[in-house]
C-alpha atoms as a PDB file:
ATOM      1  CA  UNK A   1     -45.631 113.234 127.941  1.00  0.00           C
ATOM      2  CA  UNK A   2     -44.905 114.982 125.034  1.00  0.00           C
ATOM      3  CA  UNK A   3     -44.346 118.254 126.462  1.00  0.00           C
ATOM      4  CA  UNK A   4     -41.494 116.320 129.496  1.00  0.00           C
ATOM      5  CA  UNK A   5     -39.873 114.308 125.720  1.00  0.00           C
ATOM      6  CA  UNK A   6     -39.979 118.020 123.969  1.00  0.00           C
ATOM      7  CA  UNK A   7     -38.097 119.989 126.935  1.00  0.00           C
ATOM      8  CA  UNK A   8     -35.362 117.253 127.645  1.00  0.00           C
ATOM      9  CA  UNK A   9     -34.869 116.696 124.323  1.00  0.00           C
ATOM     10  CA  UNK A  10     -34.128 121.208 123.768  1.00  0.00           C
ATOM     11  CA  UNK A  11     -32.068 120.193 127.112  1.00  0.00           C
ATOM     12  CA  UNK A  12     -29.987 118.189 125.743  1.00  0.00           C
ATOM     13  CA  UNK A  13     -29.612 120.025 122.265  1.00  0.00           C
ATOM     14  CA  UNK A  14     -28.473 123.448 124.110  1.00  0.00           C
ATOM     15  CA  UNK A  15     -26.263 121.177 126.442  1.00  0.00           C
ATOM     16  CA  UNK A  16     -25.183 119.594 123.611  1.00  0.00           C
ATOM     17  CA  UNK A  17     -23.958 122.791 121.943  1.00  0.00           C
ATOM     18  CA  UNK A  18     -22.728 124.910 125.106  1.00  0.00           C
ATOM     19  CA  UNK A  19     -20.616 121.515 125.603  1.00  0.00           C
ATOM     20  CA  UNK A  20     -19.172 121.246 122.158  1.00  0.00           C
ATOM     21  CA  UNK A  21     -18.217 125.400 122.870  1.00  0.00           C
ATOM     22  CA  UNK A  22     -17.146 125.064 125.857  1.00  0.00           C
ATOM     23  CA  UNK A  23     -14.542 122.786 124.864  1.00  0.00           C
ATOM     24  CA  UNK A  24     -13.128 124.274 122.259  1.00  0.00           C
ATOM     25  CA  UNK A  25     -12.558 127.626 124.597  1.00  0.00           C
ATOM     26  CA  UNK A  26     -11.344 125.333 127.395  1.00  0.00           C
ATOM     27  CA  UNK A  27      -9.183 124.436 124.116  1.00  0.00           C
ATOM     28  CA  UNK A  28      -7.611 127.422 122.689  1.00  0.00           C
ATOM     29  CA  UNK A  29      -7.204 128.329 126.535  1.00  0.00           C
ATOM     30  CA  UNK A  30      -5.128 125.607 127.221  1.00  0.00           C
ATOM     31  CA  UNK A  31      -3.311 126.342 123.615  1.00  0.00           C
ATOM     32  CA  UNK A  32      -3.042 130.056 124.784  1.00  0.00           C
ATOM     33  CA  UNK A  33      -0.392 128.655 127.572  1.00  0.00           C
ATOM     34  CA  UNK A  34       0.733 126.512 125.226  1.00  0.00           C
ATOM     35  CA  UNK A  35       1.963 129.027 123.268  1.00  0.00           C
ATOM     36  CA  UNK A  36       3.015 131.215 126.245  1.00  0.00           C
ATOM     37  CA  UNK A  37       5.227 128.262 127.753  1.00  0.00           C
ATOM     38  CA  UNK A  38       7.267 127.928 124.871  1.00  0.00           C
ATOM     39  CA  UNK A  39       7.242 131.796 124.129  1.00  0.00           C
ATOM     40  CA  UNK A  40       8.665 132.571 127.510  1.00  0.00           C
ATOM     41  CA  UNK A  41      11.269 129.858 126.865  1.00  0.00           C
ATOM     42  CA  UNK A  42      11.975 129.099 123.520  1.00  0.00           C
ATOM     43  CA  UNK A  43      11.484 131.849 122.698  1.00  0.00           C
ATOM     44  CA  UNK A  44      11.876 135.903 122.613  1.00  0.00           C
ATOM     45  CA  UNK A  45      11.167 135.292 126.401  1.00  0.00           C
ATOM     46  CA  UNK A  46       9.458 137.420 128.543  1.00  0.00           C
ATOM     47  CA  UNK A  47       9.734 141.432 128.440  1.00  0.00           C
ATOM     48  CA  UNK A  48      12.457 143.059 131.000  1.00  0.00           C
ATOM     49  CA  UNK A  49      13.859 146.419 132.382  1.00  0.00           C
ATOM     50  CA  UNK A  50      16.761 146.325 131.290  1.00  0.00           C
ATOM     51  CA  UNK A  51      17.681 149.287 133.782  1.00  0.00           C
ATOM     52  CA  UNK A  52      17.074 146.993 136.991  1.00  0.00           C
ATOM     53  CA  UNK A  53      19.417 143.276 136.396  1.00  0.00           C
ATOM     54  CA  UNK A  54      22.011 141.890 139.188  1.00  0.00           C
ATOM     55  CA  UNK A  55      25.404 140.262 138.329  1.00  0.00           C
ATOM     56  CA  UNK A  56      25.564 137.132 139.426  1.00  0.00           C
ATOM     57  CA  UNK A  57      28.372 133.941 138.382  1.00  0.00           C
ATOM     58  CA  UNK A  58      29.645 137.021 135.843  1.00  0.00           C
ATOM     59  CA  UNK A  59      26.648 136.625 134.484  1.00  0.00           C
ATOM     60  CA  UNK A  60      24.174 139.454 133.736  1.00  0.00           C
ATOM     61  CA  UNK A  61      20.874 138.613 135.266  1.00  0.00           C
ATOM     62  CA  UNK A  62      17.736 140.895 133.713  1.00  0.00           C
ATOM     63  CA  UNK A  63      14.683 142.455 135.997  1.00  0.00           C
ATOM     64  CA  UNK A  64      11.453 140.554 134.089  1.00  0.00           C
ATOM     65  CA  UNK A  65       8.657 143.530 134.086  1.00  0.00           C
ATOM     66  CA  UNK A  66       6.380 140.984 133.605  1.00  0.00           C
ATOM     67  CA  UNK A  67       3.140 141.363 136.434  1.00  0.00           C
ATOM     68  CA  UNK A  68       1.166 138.316 135.536  1.00  0.00           C
ATOM     69  CA  UNK A  69       4.655 135.798 135.173  1.00  0.00           C
ATOM     70  CA  UNK A  70       7.151 136.993 137.899  1.00  0.00           C
ATOM     71  CA  UNK A  71       7.302 133.275 139.574  1.00  0.00           C
ATOM     72  CA  UNK A  72       8.984 130.293 138.180  1.00  0.00           C
ATOM     73  CA  UNK A  73       6.179 128.531 140.067  1.00  0.00           C
ATOM     74  CA  UNK A  74       3.686 130.203 138.458  1.00  0.00           C
ATOM     75  CA  UNK A  75       5.464 129.644 134.307  1.00  0.00           C
ATOM     76  CA  UNK A  76       5.880 125.791 135.750  1.00  0.00           C
ATOM     77  CA  UNK A  77       2.252 126.224 136.981  1.00  0.00           C
ATOM     78  CA  UNK A  78       1.374 126.280 133.159  1.00  0.00           C
ATOM     79  CA  UNK A  79       3.685 124.338 131.534  1.00  0.00           C
ATOM     80  CA  UNK A  80       2.094 121.386 134.021  1.00  0.00           C
ATOM     81  CA  UNK A  81      -1.972 122.476 133.329  1.00  0.00           C
ATOM     82  CA  UNK A  82      -0.752 122.027 129.103  1.00  0.00           C
ATOM     83  CA  UNK A  83       1.662 119.758 129.018  1.00  0.00           C
ATOM     84  CA  UNK A  84       2.467 116.320 129.194  1.00  0.00           C
ATOM     85  CA  UNK A  85       5.027 115.167 131.804  1.00  0.00           C
ATOM     86  CA  UNK A  86       8.035 114.570 129.031  1.00  0.00           C
ATOM     87  CA  UNK A  87       7.836 118.188 127.658  1.00  0.00           C
ATOM     88  CA  UNK A  88       7.138 119.623 130.710  1.00  0.00           C
ATOM     89  CA  UNK A  89      11.435 117.836 131.880  1.00  0.00           C
ATOM     90  CA  UNK A  90      12.076 119.919 129.062  1.00  0.00           C
ATOM     91  CA  UNK A  91      10.127 123.298 129.347  1.00  0.00           C
ATOM     92  CA  UNK A  92      11.302 122.833 133.334  1.00  0.00           C
ATOM     93  CA  UNK A  93      14.934 122.787 132.100  1.00  0.00           C
ATOM     94  CA  UNK A  94      15.362 125.716 129.187  1.00  0.00           C
ATOM     95  CA  UNK A  95      13.061 127.154 132.163  1.00  0.00           C
ATOM     96  CA  UNK A  96      15.780 127.406 134.973  1.00  0.00           C
ATOM     97  CA  UNK A  97      18.436 127.940 132.509  1.00  0.00           C
ATOM     98  CA  UNK A  98      17.536 131.058 131.817  1.00  0.00           C
ATOM     99  CA  UNK A  99      15.435 132.314 134.347  1.00  0.00           C
ATOM    100  CA  UNK A 100      16.790 132.556 138.141  1.00  0.00           C
ATOM    101  CA  UNK A 101      14.456 134.244 141.130  1.00  0.00           C
ATOM    102  CA  UNK A 102      16.797 136.604 143.577  1.00  0.00           C
ATOM    103  CA  UNK A 103      13.844 137.664 146.287  1.00  0.00           C
ATOM    104  CA  UNK A 104      11.450 137.143 145.462  1.00  0.00           C
ATOM    105  CA  UNK A 105      11.321 138.862 142.004  1.00  0.00           C
ATOM    106  CA  UNK A 106      12.058 137.616 138.348  1.00  0.00           C
ATOM    107  CA  UNK A 107      15.375 137.949 136.567  1.00  0.00           C
ATOM    108  CA  UNK A 108      16.567 136.411 133.185  1.00  0.00           C
ATOM    109  CA  UNK A 109      19.182 136.257 131.055  1.00  0.00           C
ATOM    110  CA  UNK A 110      18.023 136.858 127.929  1.00  0.00           C
ATOM    111  CA  UNK A 111      16.691 139.693 125.781  1.00  0.00           C
ATOM    112  CA  UNK A 112      15.481 137.488 123.321  1.00  0.00           C
ATOM    113  CA  UNK A 113      15.374 134.365 121.296  1.00  0.00           C
ATOM    114  CA  UNK A 114      14.131 133.029 118.487  1.00  0.00           C
ATOM    115  CA  UNK A 115      10.952 134.674 116.751  1.00  0.00           C
ATOM    116  CA  UNK A 116       7.400 133.301 117.086  1.00  0.00           C
ATOM    117  CA  UNK A 117       4.136 134.518 115.148  1.00  0.00           C
ATOM    118  CA  UNK A 118       2.360 135.813 117.921  1.00  0.00           C
ATOM    119  CA  UNK A 119       3.486 138.326 120.488  1.00  0.00           C
ATOM    120  CA  UNK A 120       2.173 137.140 124.316  1.00  0.00           C
ATOM    121  CA  UNK A 121      -1.116 140.136 124.360  1.00  0.00           C
ATOM    122  CA  UNK A 122      -4.633 141.070 123.639  1.00  0.00           C
ATOM    123  CA  UNK A 123      -4.880 139.502 120.497  1.00  0.00           C
ATOM    124  CA  UNK A 124      -2.397 136.030 121.102  1.00  0.00           C
ATOM    125  CA  UNK A 125      -6.562 134.139 121.330  1.00  0.00           C
ATOM    126  CA  UNK A 126      -7.884 135.619 118.232  1.00  0.00           C
ATOM    127  CA  UNK A 127      -4.870 134.344 116.311  1.00  0.00           C
ATOM    128  CA  UNK A 128      -4.995 131.575 117.920  1.00  0.00           C
ATOM    129  CA  UNK A 129      -8.562 130.645 116.338  1.00  0.00           C
ATOM    130  CA  UNK A 130      -7.864 132.296 113.498  1.00  0.00           C
ATOM    131  CA  UNK A 131      -4.750 129.598 112.337  1.00  0.00           C
ATOM    132  CA  UNK A 132      -5.678 126.657 114.591  1.00  0.00           C
ATOM    133  CA  UNK A 133      -8.552 124.729 112.898  1.00  0.00           C
ATOM    134  CA  UNK A 134     -10.356 122.287 114.490  1.00  0.00           C
ATOM    135  CA  UNK A 135     -11.240 119.457 112.699  1.00  0.00           C
ATOM    136  CA  UNK A 136     -12.743 117.299 115.988  1.00  0.00           C
ATOM    137  CA  UNK A 137     -14.104 117.507 118.756  1.00  0.00           C
ATOM    138  CA  UNK A 138     -14.399 114.042 120.692  1.00  0.00           C
ATOM    139  CA  UNK A 139     -16.152 113.461 124.141  1.00  0.00           C
ATOM    140  CA  UNK A 140     -11.876 113.697 125.685  1.00  0.00           C
ATOM    141  CA  UNK A 141      -9.781 114.597 122.628  1.00  0.00           C
ATOM    142  CA  UNK A 142      -9.794 117.497 119.933  1.00  0.00           C
ATOM    143  CA  UNK A 143      -8.086 116.900 116.548  1.00  0.00           C
ATOM    144  CA  UNK A 144      -7.037 120.478 115.369  1.00  0.00           C
ATOM    145  CA  UNK A 145      -4.203 121.493 112.356  1.00  0.00           C
ATOM    146  CA  UNK A 146      -1.576 124.292 112.655  1.00  0.00           C
ATOM    147  CA  UNK A 147       0.944 125.211 109.591  1.00  0.00           C
ATOM    148  CA  UNK A 148      -0.521 121.736 108.151  1.00  0.00           C
ATOM    149  CA  UNK A 149      -0.036 119.553 110.389  1.00  0.00           C
ATOM    150  CA  UNK A 150      -2.098 117.691 112.492  1.00  0.00           C
ATOM    151  CA  UNK A 151      -2.077 117.421 116.229  1.00  0.00           C
ATOM    152  CA  UNK A 152      -4.551 116.155 119.022  1.00  0.00           C
ATOM    153  CA  UNK A 153      -4.676 117.191 122.265  1.00  0.00           C
ATOM    154  CA  UNK A 154      -6.505 115.737 125.406  1.00  0.00           C
ATOM    155  CA  UNK A 155      -8.876 116.761 127.158  1.00  0.00           C
ATOM    156  CA  UNK A 156      -7.658 116.942 131.437  1.00  0.00           C
ATOM    157  CA  UNK A 157      -9.801 117.908 133.714  1.00  0.00           C
ATOM    158  CA  UNK A 158     -10.132 122.317 132.880  1.00  0.00           C
ATOM    159  CA  UNK A 159      -8.160 122.041 129.820  1.00  0.00           C
ATOM    160  CA  UNK A 160      -6.343 120.280 127.303  1.00  0.00           C
ATOM    161  CA  UNK A 161      -2.510 118.494 127.298  1.00  0.00           C
ATOM    162  CA  UNK A 162      -0.066 118.288 124.522  1.00  0.00           C
ATOM    163  CA  UNK A 163       2.299 115.970 124.402  1.00  0.00           C
ATOM    164  CA  UNK A 164       4.047 117.303 122.015  1.00  0.00           C
ATOM    165  CA  UNK A 165       5.349 121.725 121.268  1.00  0.00           C
ATOM    166  CA  UNK A 166       3.171 123.006 118.915  1.00  0.00           C
ATOM    167  CA  UNK A 167       4.631 125.981 117.864  1.00  0.00           C
ATOM    168  CA  UNK A 168       8.801 126.143 117.582  1.00  0.00           C
ATOM    169  CA  UNK A 169      11.963 128.260 116.656  1.00  0.00           C
ATOM    170  CA  UNK A 170      11.691 128.071 112.700  1.00  0.00           C
ATOM    171  CA  UNK A 171      15.070 127.603 111.999  1.00  0.00           C
END
């Protein structure tokens, strides 16, 4: 009987640690998608091929060079996974003003925008882990701090959702 109790306790201890680590990893992955969403819409946007462009309605649209984010639907799905409906609506409005698909190719009007702290590259998640501090992990939410302001993210299936933009253009 003692062996069974010890095995159960060890299982609970190990599962608890793993569960907390999994929640942290899921949180930072969701936070990364939230960052990318705002960077793509409000920020510098996706990289372009400046010499590959089209003109529509008197405006020059530049071909997006990203192979990962090459469809509006892919970007919208990222928004849907990490933001509430209200934030989604705002981001999608900006997305459709700044990007257009023509013959299954993604183009953008902008080759620039406001600056954010990080680039969308291999260093993004390490930078987020360094600068965004988790304060509390509860069963269905995480309280965290970024640039002196406290936020809450709610767990939703395989990700965390945010009710506001954490990352904004600094004026």
